[in-house]
Amino acid sequence: MFDNYAAKPPVVRAALDEAPKIGESLCEACVGHFAQVRAALAATGVEYTLVPTLVRGLDYYSRTTWEFVGPMENENATLSGGGRYDYLVEEIGGPPTPGVGFGAGVERLLIALEDEGVTADAPKLEIFLALEPDGPRPLALAWLKNLRDRGIAADTDFAGRSLKGQLTQAGRSGADTIVIVGPDAATIRRRGAADEPVAHAEVLGRISK
């Protein structure tokens, strides 16, 4: 992956600055999809910069492409990069299959983890957030970030599973608490206890006890 803009001579960069940007020519479906991506990033507190000149070296990417950049200001700053390729399987003769992938520099990641004092040991999962079909995903992602920021091992579904599939995933994860997030309220399900309906505003206070 590379930002082709940075490699251009100044006169070319000046011309590109005046040229139409790719984000100005998105179809309606892509505009909606990108809005969901940005809403999820905002909900989880992920800072990002839109770079319309970011270029991927593979032609089959579609919609969102990205790179993760570490705090080091050198040639090793980019830790990982990837994107969506929703049409690749279909183009080579398979059924329509959405896809996403990335590449990462293992050594760079290890150095970044060491610099941040982070280990790769996964803690036992304490809380799993499952969404009903109309459950507010941005709110659930904000709760997920809040819990993780406080050192609570929490997770949610990122594969678009049905509620039944999410509950199966939660059971396999070994989480002691499952929060089922509905459109107007939530249900807290703890091992060995009756389900507890709660308002959205009360969820974090109840599950953090």
C-alpha atoms as a PDB file:
ATOM      1  CA  MET A   1       0.000   0.000   0.000  1.00  0.00           C
ATOM      2  CA  PHE A   2       1.200   3.493  -0.676  1.00  0.00           C
ATOM      3  CA  ASP A   3      -0.039   7.045  -0.843  1.00  0.00           C
ATOM      4  CA  ASN A   4       0.730   7.722  -4.481  1.00  0.00           C
ATOM      5  CA  TYR A   5       0.123  11.435  -3.946  1.00  0.00           C
ATOM      6  CA  ALA A   6       3.210  11.814  -1.758  1.00  0.00           C
ATOM      7  CA  ALA A   7       5.423  10.341  -4.478  1.00  0.00           C
ATOM      8  CA  LYS A   8       4.358  12.852  -7.137  1.00  0.00           C
ATOM      9  CA  PRO A   9       6.378  15.966  -8.103  1.00  0.00           C
ATOM     10  CA  PRO A  10       5.065  19.271  -6.682  1.00  0.00           C
ATOM     11  CA  VAL A  11       3.560  20.367 -10.012  1.00  0.00           C
ATOM     12  CA  VAL A  12       1.581  17.120 -10.253  1.00  0.00           C
ATOM     13  CA  ARG A  13       0.423  17.372  -6.643  1.00  0.00           C
ATOM     14  CA  ALA A  14      -0.788  20.916  -7.314  1.00  0.00           C
ATOM     15  CA  ALA A  15      -2.844  19.655 -10.269  1.00  0.00           C
ATOM     16  CA  LEU A  16      -4.254  16.797  -8.211  1.00  0.00           C
ATOM     17  CA  ASP A  17      -5.301  19.231  -5.493  1.00  0.00           C
ATOM     18  CA  GLU A  18      -7.624  20.854  -8.027  1.00  0.00           C
ATOM     19  CA  ALA A  19      -8.896  17.567  -9.459  1.00  0.00           C
ATOM     20  CA  PRO A  20     -12.190  15.935  -8.351  1.00  0.00           C
ATOM     21  CA  LYS A  21     -11.819  13.677  -5.305  1.00  0.00           C
ATOM     22  CA  ILE A  22     -12.997  10.076  -5.307  1.00  0.00           C
ATOM     23  CA  GLY A  23     -15.269  10.746  -2.347  1.00  0.00           C
ATOM     24  CA  GLU A  24     -17.253  13.190  -4.461  1.00  0.00           C
ATOM     25  CA  SER A  25     -18.305  10.476  -6.934  1.00  0.00           C
ATOM     26  CA  LEU A  26     -19.663   7.727  -4.694  1.00  0.00           C
ATOM     27  CA  CYS A  27     -22.906   5.943  -5.526  1.00  0.00           C
ATOM     28  CA  GLU A  28     -25.801   6.200  -3.085  1.00  0.00           C
ATOM     29  CA  ALA A  29     -25.182   2.729  -1.629  1.00  0.00           C
ATOM     30  CA  CYS A  30     -21.486   3.481  -1.090  1.00  0.00           C
ATOM     31  CA  VAL A  31     -22.296   6.802   0.579  1.00  0.00           C
ATOM     32  CA  GLY A  32     -24.572   4.979   3.028  1.00  0.00           C
ATOM     33  CA  HIS A  33     -22.005   2.252   3.669  1.00  0.00           C
ATOM     34  CA  PHE A  34     -19.217   4.768   4.282  1.00  0.00           C
ATOM     35  CA  ALA A  35     -21.458   6.686   6.687  1.00  0.00           C
ATOM     36  CA  GLN A  36     -21.930   3.467   8.688  1.00  0.00           C
ATOM     37  CA  VAL A  37     -18.167   2.867   8.733  1.00  0.00           C
ATOM     38  CA  ARG A  38     -17.496   6.376  10.015  1.00  0.00           C
ATOM     39  CA  ALA A  39     -20.285   6.103  12.609  1.00  0.00           C
ATOM     40  CA  ALA A  40     -18.724   2.896  13.947  1.00  0.00           C
ATOM     41  CA  LEU A  41     -15.297   4.545  14.136  1.00  0.00           C
ATOM     42  CA  ALA A  42     -16.770   7.508  15.998  1.00  0.00           C
ATOM     43  CA  ALA A  43     -18.665   5.248  18.403  1.00  0.00           C
ATOM     44  CA  THR A  44     -15.498   3.359  19.316  1.00  0.00           C
ATOM     45  CA  GLY A  45     -13.345   6.477  19.608  1.00  0.00           C
ATOM     46  CA  VAL A  46     -11.047   5.570  16.719  1.00  0.00           C
ATOM     47  CA  GLU A  47      -9.350   8.663  15.351  1.00  0.00           C
ATOM     48  CA  TYR A  48      -8.934   8.671  11.591  1.00  0.00           C
ATOM     49  CA  THR A  49      -7.960  10.889   8.688  1.00  0.00           C
ATOM     50  CA  LEU A  50      -9.633  10.749   5.287  1.00  0.00           C
ATOM     51  CA  VAL A  51      -6.973  10.470   2.577  1.00  0.00           C
ATOM     52  CA  PRO A  52      -8.570  10.618  -0.902  1.00  0.00           C
ATOM     53  CA  THR A  53      -5.179   9.959  -2.508  1.00  0.00           C
ATOM     54  CA  LEU A  54      -4.573   6.676  -0.689  1.00  0.00           C
ATOM     55  CA  VAL A  55      -3.850   3.986  -3.284  1.00  0.00           C
ATOM     56  CA  ARG A  56      -3.964   0.210  -2.970  1.00  0.00           C
ATOM     57  CA  GLY A  57      -1.703  -1.900  -5.130  1.00  0.00           C
ATOM     58  CA  LEU A  58      -4.465  -4.453  -5.798  1.00  0.00           C
ATOM     59  CA  ASP A  59      -7.247  -3.706  -8.291  1.00  0.00           C
ATOM     60  CA  TYR A  60      -9.953  -5.842  -6.701  1.00  0.00           C
ATOM     61  CA  TYR A  61     -10.555  -3.641  -3.668  1.00  0.00           C
ATOM     62  CA  SER A  62     -13.970  -2.000  -3.377  1.00  0.00           C
ATOM     63  CA  ARG A  63     -15.407   0.661  -1.108  1.00  0.00           C
ATOM     64  CA  THR A  64     -13.265   1.238   1.988  1.00  0.00           C
ATOM     65  CA  THR A  65      -9.484   0.881   2.082  1.00  0.00           C
ATOM     66  CA  TRP A  66      -7.376   1.830   5.084  1.00  0.00           C
ATOM     67  CA  GLU A  67      -4.055   1.743   6.810  1.00  0.00           C
ATOM     68  CA  PHE A  68      -3.192   1.731  10.513  1.00  0.00           C
ATOM     69  CA  VAL A  69      -0.369   4.090  11.394  1.00  0.00           C
ATOM     70  CA  GLY A  70       1.637   3.866  14.601  1.00  0.00           C
ATOM     71  CA  PRO A  71       3.122   6.730  16.621  1.00  0.00           C
ATOM     72  CA  MET A  72       6.625   6.304  15.204  1.00  0.00           C
ATOM     73  CA  GLU A  73       7.514   8.935  12.618  1.00  0.00           C
ATOM     74  CA  ASN A  74       9.611   6.888  10.222  1.00  0.00           C
ATOM     75  CA  GLU A  75       9.312   4.420   7.369  1.00  0.00           C
ATOM     76  CA  ASN A  76       7.911   1.827   9.790  1.00  0.00           C
ATOM     77  CA  ALA A  77       4.913   3.957  10.808  1.00  0.00           C
ATOM     78  CA  THR A  78       2.391   1.937   8.774  1.00  0.00           C
ATOM     79  CA  LEU A  79       1.533  -1.165  10.800  1.00  0.00           C
ATOM     80  CA  SER A  80      -1.254  -2.633   8.686  1.00  0.00           C
ATOM     81  CA  GLY A  81      -3.386  -1.923   5.649  1.00  0.00           C
ATOM     82  CA  GLY A  82      -6.309  -3.499   3.861  1.00  0.00           C
ATOM     83  CA  GLY A  83      -9.743  -3.046   2.402  1.00  0.00           C
ATOM     84  CA  ARG A  84     -12.974  -4.596   1.182  1.00  0.00           C
ATOM     85  CA  TYR A  85     -13.248  -6.789  -1.910  1.00  0.00           C
ATOM     86  CA  ASP A  86     -16.955  -7.512  -2.162  1.00  0.00           C
ATOM     87  CA  TYR A  87     -16.885  -8.514  -5.837  1.00  0.00           C
ATOM     88  CA  LEU A  88     -13.683 -10.561  -6.071  1.00  0.00           C
ATOM     89  CA  VAL A  89     -15.210 -14.021  -5.590  1.00  0.00           C
ATOM     90  CA  GLU A  90     -17.917 -13.274  -8.146  1.00  0.00           C
ATOM     91  CA  GLU A  91     -15.359 -12.004 -10.671  1.00  0.00           C
ATOM     92  CA  ILE A  92     -13.511 -15.329 -10.603  1.00  0.00           C
ATOM     93  CA  GLY A  93     -16.677 -17.389 -11.065  1.00  0.00           C
ATOM     94  CA  GLY A  94     -17.994 -17.859  -7.543  1.00  0.00           C
ATOM     95  CA  PRO A  95     -21.223 -16.707  -5.891  1.00  0.00           C
ATOM     96  CA  PRO A  96     -21.573 -13.103  -4.664  1.00  0.00           C
ATOM     97  CA  THR A  97     -19.531 -13.073  -1.455  1.00  0.00           C
ATOM     98  CA  PRO A  98     -18.562  -9.975   0.533  1.00  0.00           C
ATOM     99  CA  GLY A  99     -14.975  -9.963   1.703  1.00  0.00           C
ATOM    100  CA  VAL A 100     -12.417  -7.986   3.645  1.00  0.00           C
ATOM    101  CA  GLY A 101      -8.718  -8.523   4.158  1.00  0.00           C
ATOM    102  CA  PHE A 102      -5.522  -6.909   5.348  1.00  0.00           C
ATOM    103  CA  GLY A 103      -1.794  -7.299   5.527  1.00  0.00           C
ATOM    104  CA  ALA A 104       0.394  -6.465   8.508  1.00  0.00           C
ATOM    105  CA  GLY A 105       4.046  -6.215   9.386  1.00  0.00           C
ATOM    106  CA  VAL A 106       4.507  -8.713  12.221  1.00  0.00           C
ATOM    107  CA  GLU A 107       7.770  -7.213  13.431  1.00  0.00           C
ATOM    108  CA  ARG A 108       6.304  -3.709  13.370  1.00  0.00           C
ATOM    109  CA  LEU A 109       3.272  -4.867  15.348  1.00  0.00           C
ATOM    110  CA  LEU A 110       5.441  -6.562  17.959  1.00  0.00           C
ATOM    111  CA  ILE A 111       7.555  -3.433  18.364  1.00  0.00           C
ATOM    112  CA  ALA A 112       4.432  -1.262  18.676  1.00  0.00           C
ATOM    113  CA  LEU A 113       2.916  -3.609  21.287  1.00  0.00           C
ATOM    114  CA  GLU A 114       6.155  -3.613  23.265  1.00  0.00           C
ATOM    115  CA  ASP A 115       6.330   0.187  23.159  1.00  0.00           C
ATOM    116  CA  GLU A 116       2.755   0.375  24.511  1.00  0.00           C
ATOM    117  CA  GLY A 117       3.379  -2.251  27.193  1.00  0.00           C
ATOM    118  CA  VAL A 118       0.687  -4.521  25.742  1.00  0.00           C
ATOM    119  CA  THR A 119       0.862  -8.315  25.823  1.00  0.00           C
ATOM    120  CA  ALA A 120      -0.835 -10.672  23.390  1.00  0.00           C
ATOM    121  CA  ASP A 121      -2.410 -12.792  26.113  1.00  0.00           C
ATOM    122  CA  ALA A 122      -6.198 -12.704  25.725  1.00  0.00           C
ATOM    123  CA  PRO A 123      -8.063 -12.259  29.046  1.00  0.00           C
ATOM    124  CA  LYS A 124     -11.122 -14.338  29.913  1.00  0.00           C
ATOM    125  CA  LEU A 125     -14.166 -12.735  28.340  1.00  0.00           C
ATOM    126  CA  GLU A 126     -16.485 -11.162  30.910  1.00  0.00           C
ATOM    127  CA  ILE A 127     -19.214  -9.467  28.852  1.00  0.00           C
ATOM    128  CA  PHE A 128     -20.653 -10.129  25.398  1.00  0.00           C
ATOM    129  CA  LEU A 129     -22.924  -7.611  23.659  1.00  0.00           C
ATOM    130  CA  ALA A 130     -25.536  -9.150  21.329  1.00  0.00           C
ATOM    131  CA  LEU A 131     -27.792  -7.026  19.127  1.00  0.00           C
ATOM    132  CA  GLU A 132     -31.410  -7.567  18.221  1.00  0.00           C
ATOM    133  CA  PRO A 133     -32.143  -6.909  14.502  1.00  0.00           C
ATOM    134  CA  ASP A 134     -33.058  -3.261  15.198  1.00  0.00           C
ATOM    135  CA  GLY A 135     -30.605  -2.761  18.055  1.00  0.00           C
ATOM    136  CA  PRO A 136     -28.480   0.424  17.863  1.00  0.00           C
ATOM    137  CA  ARG A 137     -25.047  -0.823  16.849  1.00  0.00           C
ATOM    138  CA  PRO A 138     -23.239   2.522  17.370  1.00  0.00           C
ATOM    139  CA  LEU A 139     -24.480   2.546  20.972  1.00  0.00           C
ATOM    140  CA  ALA A 140     -23.305  -1.036  21.528  1.00  0.00           C
ATOM    141  CA  LEU A 141     -19.892  -0.171  20.089  1.00  0.00           C
ATOM    142  CA  ALA A 142     -19.662   2.840  22.406  1.00  0.00           C
ATOM    143  CA  TRP A 143     -20.437   0.556  25.369  1.00  0.00           C
ATOM    144  CA  LEU A 144     -17.816  -1.898  24.136  1.00  0.00           C
ATOM    145  CA  LYS A 145     -15.171   0.826  24.056  1.00  0.00           C
ATOM    146  CA  ASN A 146     -16.191   2.078  27.501  1.00  0.00           C
ATOM    147  CA  LEU A 147     -15.867  -1.392  29.001  1.00  0.00           C
ATOM    148  CA  ARG A 148     -12.529  -2.112  27.355  1.00  0.00           C
ATOM    149  CA  ASP A 149     -11.147   1.273  28.388  1.00  0.00           C
ATOM    150  CA  ARG A 150     -11.882   0.287  31.998  1.00  0.00           C
ATOM    151  CA  GLY A 151     -10.056  -3.011  31.657  1.00  0.00           C
ATOM    152  CA  ILE A 152     -13.186  -5.168  31.336  1.00  0.00           C
ATOM    153  CA  ALA A 153     -12.834  -7.968  28.773  1.00  0.00           C
ATOM    154  CA  ALA A 154     -15.794  -7.444  26.439  1.00  0.00           C
ATOM    155  CA  ASP A 155     -16.673  -8.357  22.871  1.00  0.00           C
ATOM    156  CA  THR A 156     -19.486  -8.316  20.323  1.00  0.00           C
ATOM    157  CA  ASP A 157     -20.343  -9.859  16.971  1.00  0.00           C
ATOM    158  CA  PHE A 158     -18.633  -8.442  13.887  1.00  0.00           C
ATOM    159  CA  ALA A 159     -19.902 -10.976  11.340  1.00  0.00           C
ATOM    160  CA  GLY A 160     -23.540  -9.882  11.022  1.00  0.00           C
ATOM    161  CA  ARG A 161     -24.928 -13.001  12.704  1.00  0.00           C
ATOM    162  CA  SER A 162     -28.578 -13.359  13.675  1.00  0.00           C
ATOM    163  CA  LEU A 163     -29.450 -12.880  17.332  1.00  0.00           C
ATOM    164  CA  LYS A 164     -29.570 -16.655  17.740  1.00  0.00           C
ATOM    165  CA  GLY A 165     -26.123 -16.946  16.178  1.00  0.00           C
ATOM    166  CA  GLN A 166     -24.775 -14.202  18.425  1.00  0.00           C
ATOM    167  CA  LEU A 167     -26.100 -15.941  21.534  1.00  0.00           C
ATOM    168  CA  THR A 168     -24.455 -19.163  20.389  1.00  0.00           C
ATOM    169  CA  GLN A 169     -21.198 -17.272  19.902  1.00  0.00           C
ATOM    170  CA  ALA A 170     -21.581 -15.690  23.340  1.00  0.00           C
ATOM    171  CA  GLY A 171     -22.109 -19.097  24.939  1.00  0.00           C
ATOM    172  CA  ARG A 172     -19.002 -20.485  23.285  1.00  0.00           C
ATOM    173  CA  SER A 173     -16.976 -17.468  24.374  1.00  0.00           C
ATOM    174  CA  GLY A 174     -17.498 -18.318  28.037  1.00  0.00           C
ATOM    175  CA  ALA A 175     -18.684 -14.808  28.907  1.00  0.00           C
ATOM    176  CA  ASP A 176     -20.346 -14.600  32.317  1.00  0.00           C
ATOM    177  CA  THR A 177     -22.677 -11.782  31.231  1.00  0.00           C
ATOM    178  CA  ILE A 178     -24.574 -11.275  27.975  1.00  0.00           C
ATOM    179  CA  VAL A 179     -26.231  -7.967  27.164  1.00  0.00           C
ATOM    180  CA  ILE A 180     -28.971  -8.249  24.540  1.00  0.00           C
ATOM    181  CA  VAL A 181     -29.316  -4.785  23.035  1.00  0.00           C
ATOM    182  CA  GLY A 182     -32.771  -3.926  21.737  1.00  0.00           C
ATOM    183  CA  PRO A 183     -33.930  -0.746  19.984  1.00  0.00           C
ATOM    184  CA  ASP A 184     -35.375   0.841  23.146  1.00  0.00           C
ATOM    185  CA  ALA A 185     -33.966  -1.165  26.060  1.00  0.00           C
ATOM    186  CA  ALA A 186     -31.600  -4.014  26.867  1.00  0.00           C
ATOM    187  CA  THR A 187     -31.667  -7.324  28.702  1.00  0.00           C
ATOM    188  CA  ILE A 188     -28.838  -8.425  30.977  1.00  0.00           C
ATOM    189  CA  ARG A 189     -28.402 -12.190  31.138  1.00  0.00           C
ATOM    190  CA  ARG A 190     -26.090 -13.588  33.819  1.00  0.00           C
ATOM    191  CA  ARG A 191     -25.229 -17.200  34.523  1.00  0.00           C
ATOM    192  CA  GLY A 192     -27.568 -18.661  37.106  1.00  0.00           C
ATOM    193  CA  ALA A 193     -29.792 -15.573  37.293  1.00  0.00           C
ATOM    194  CA  ALA A 194     -33.050 -14.422  35.748  1.00  0.00           C
ATOM    195  CA  ASP A 195     -32.933 -12.050  32.782  1.00  0.00           C
ATOM    196  CA  GLU A 196     -32.911  -8.394  33.854  1.00  0.00           C
ATOM    197  CA  PRO A 197     -34.566  -5.803  31.572  1.00  0.00           C
ATOM    198  CA  VAL A 198     -32.869  -2.393  31.843  1.00  0.00           C
ATOM    199  CA  ALA A 199     -33.017   0.965  30.093  1.00  0.00           C
ATOM    200  CA  HIS A 200     -30.135   1.847  27.802  1.00  0.00           C
ATOM    201  CA  ALA A 201     -28.979   4.578  30.185  1.00  0.00           C
ATOM    202  CA  GLU A 202     -28.592   2.056  33.020  1.00  0.00           C
ATOM    203  CA  VAL A 203     -26.700  -0.689  31.191  1.00  0.00           C
ATOM    204  CA  LEU A 204     -23.104   0.329  31.913  1.00  0.00           C
ATOM    205  CA  GLY A 205     -23.832   0.925  35.578  1.00  0.00           C
ATOM    206  CA  ARG A 206     -25.509  -2.466  35.981  1.00  0.00           C
ATOM    207  CA  ILE A 207     -22.955  -4.611  34.164  1.00  0.00           C
ATOM    208  CA  SER A 208     -19.936  -2.921  35.746  1.00  0.00           C
ATOM    209  CA  LYS A 209     -20.913  -3.998  39.267  1.00  0.00           C
END
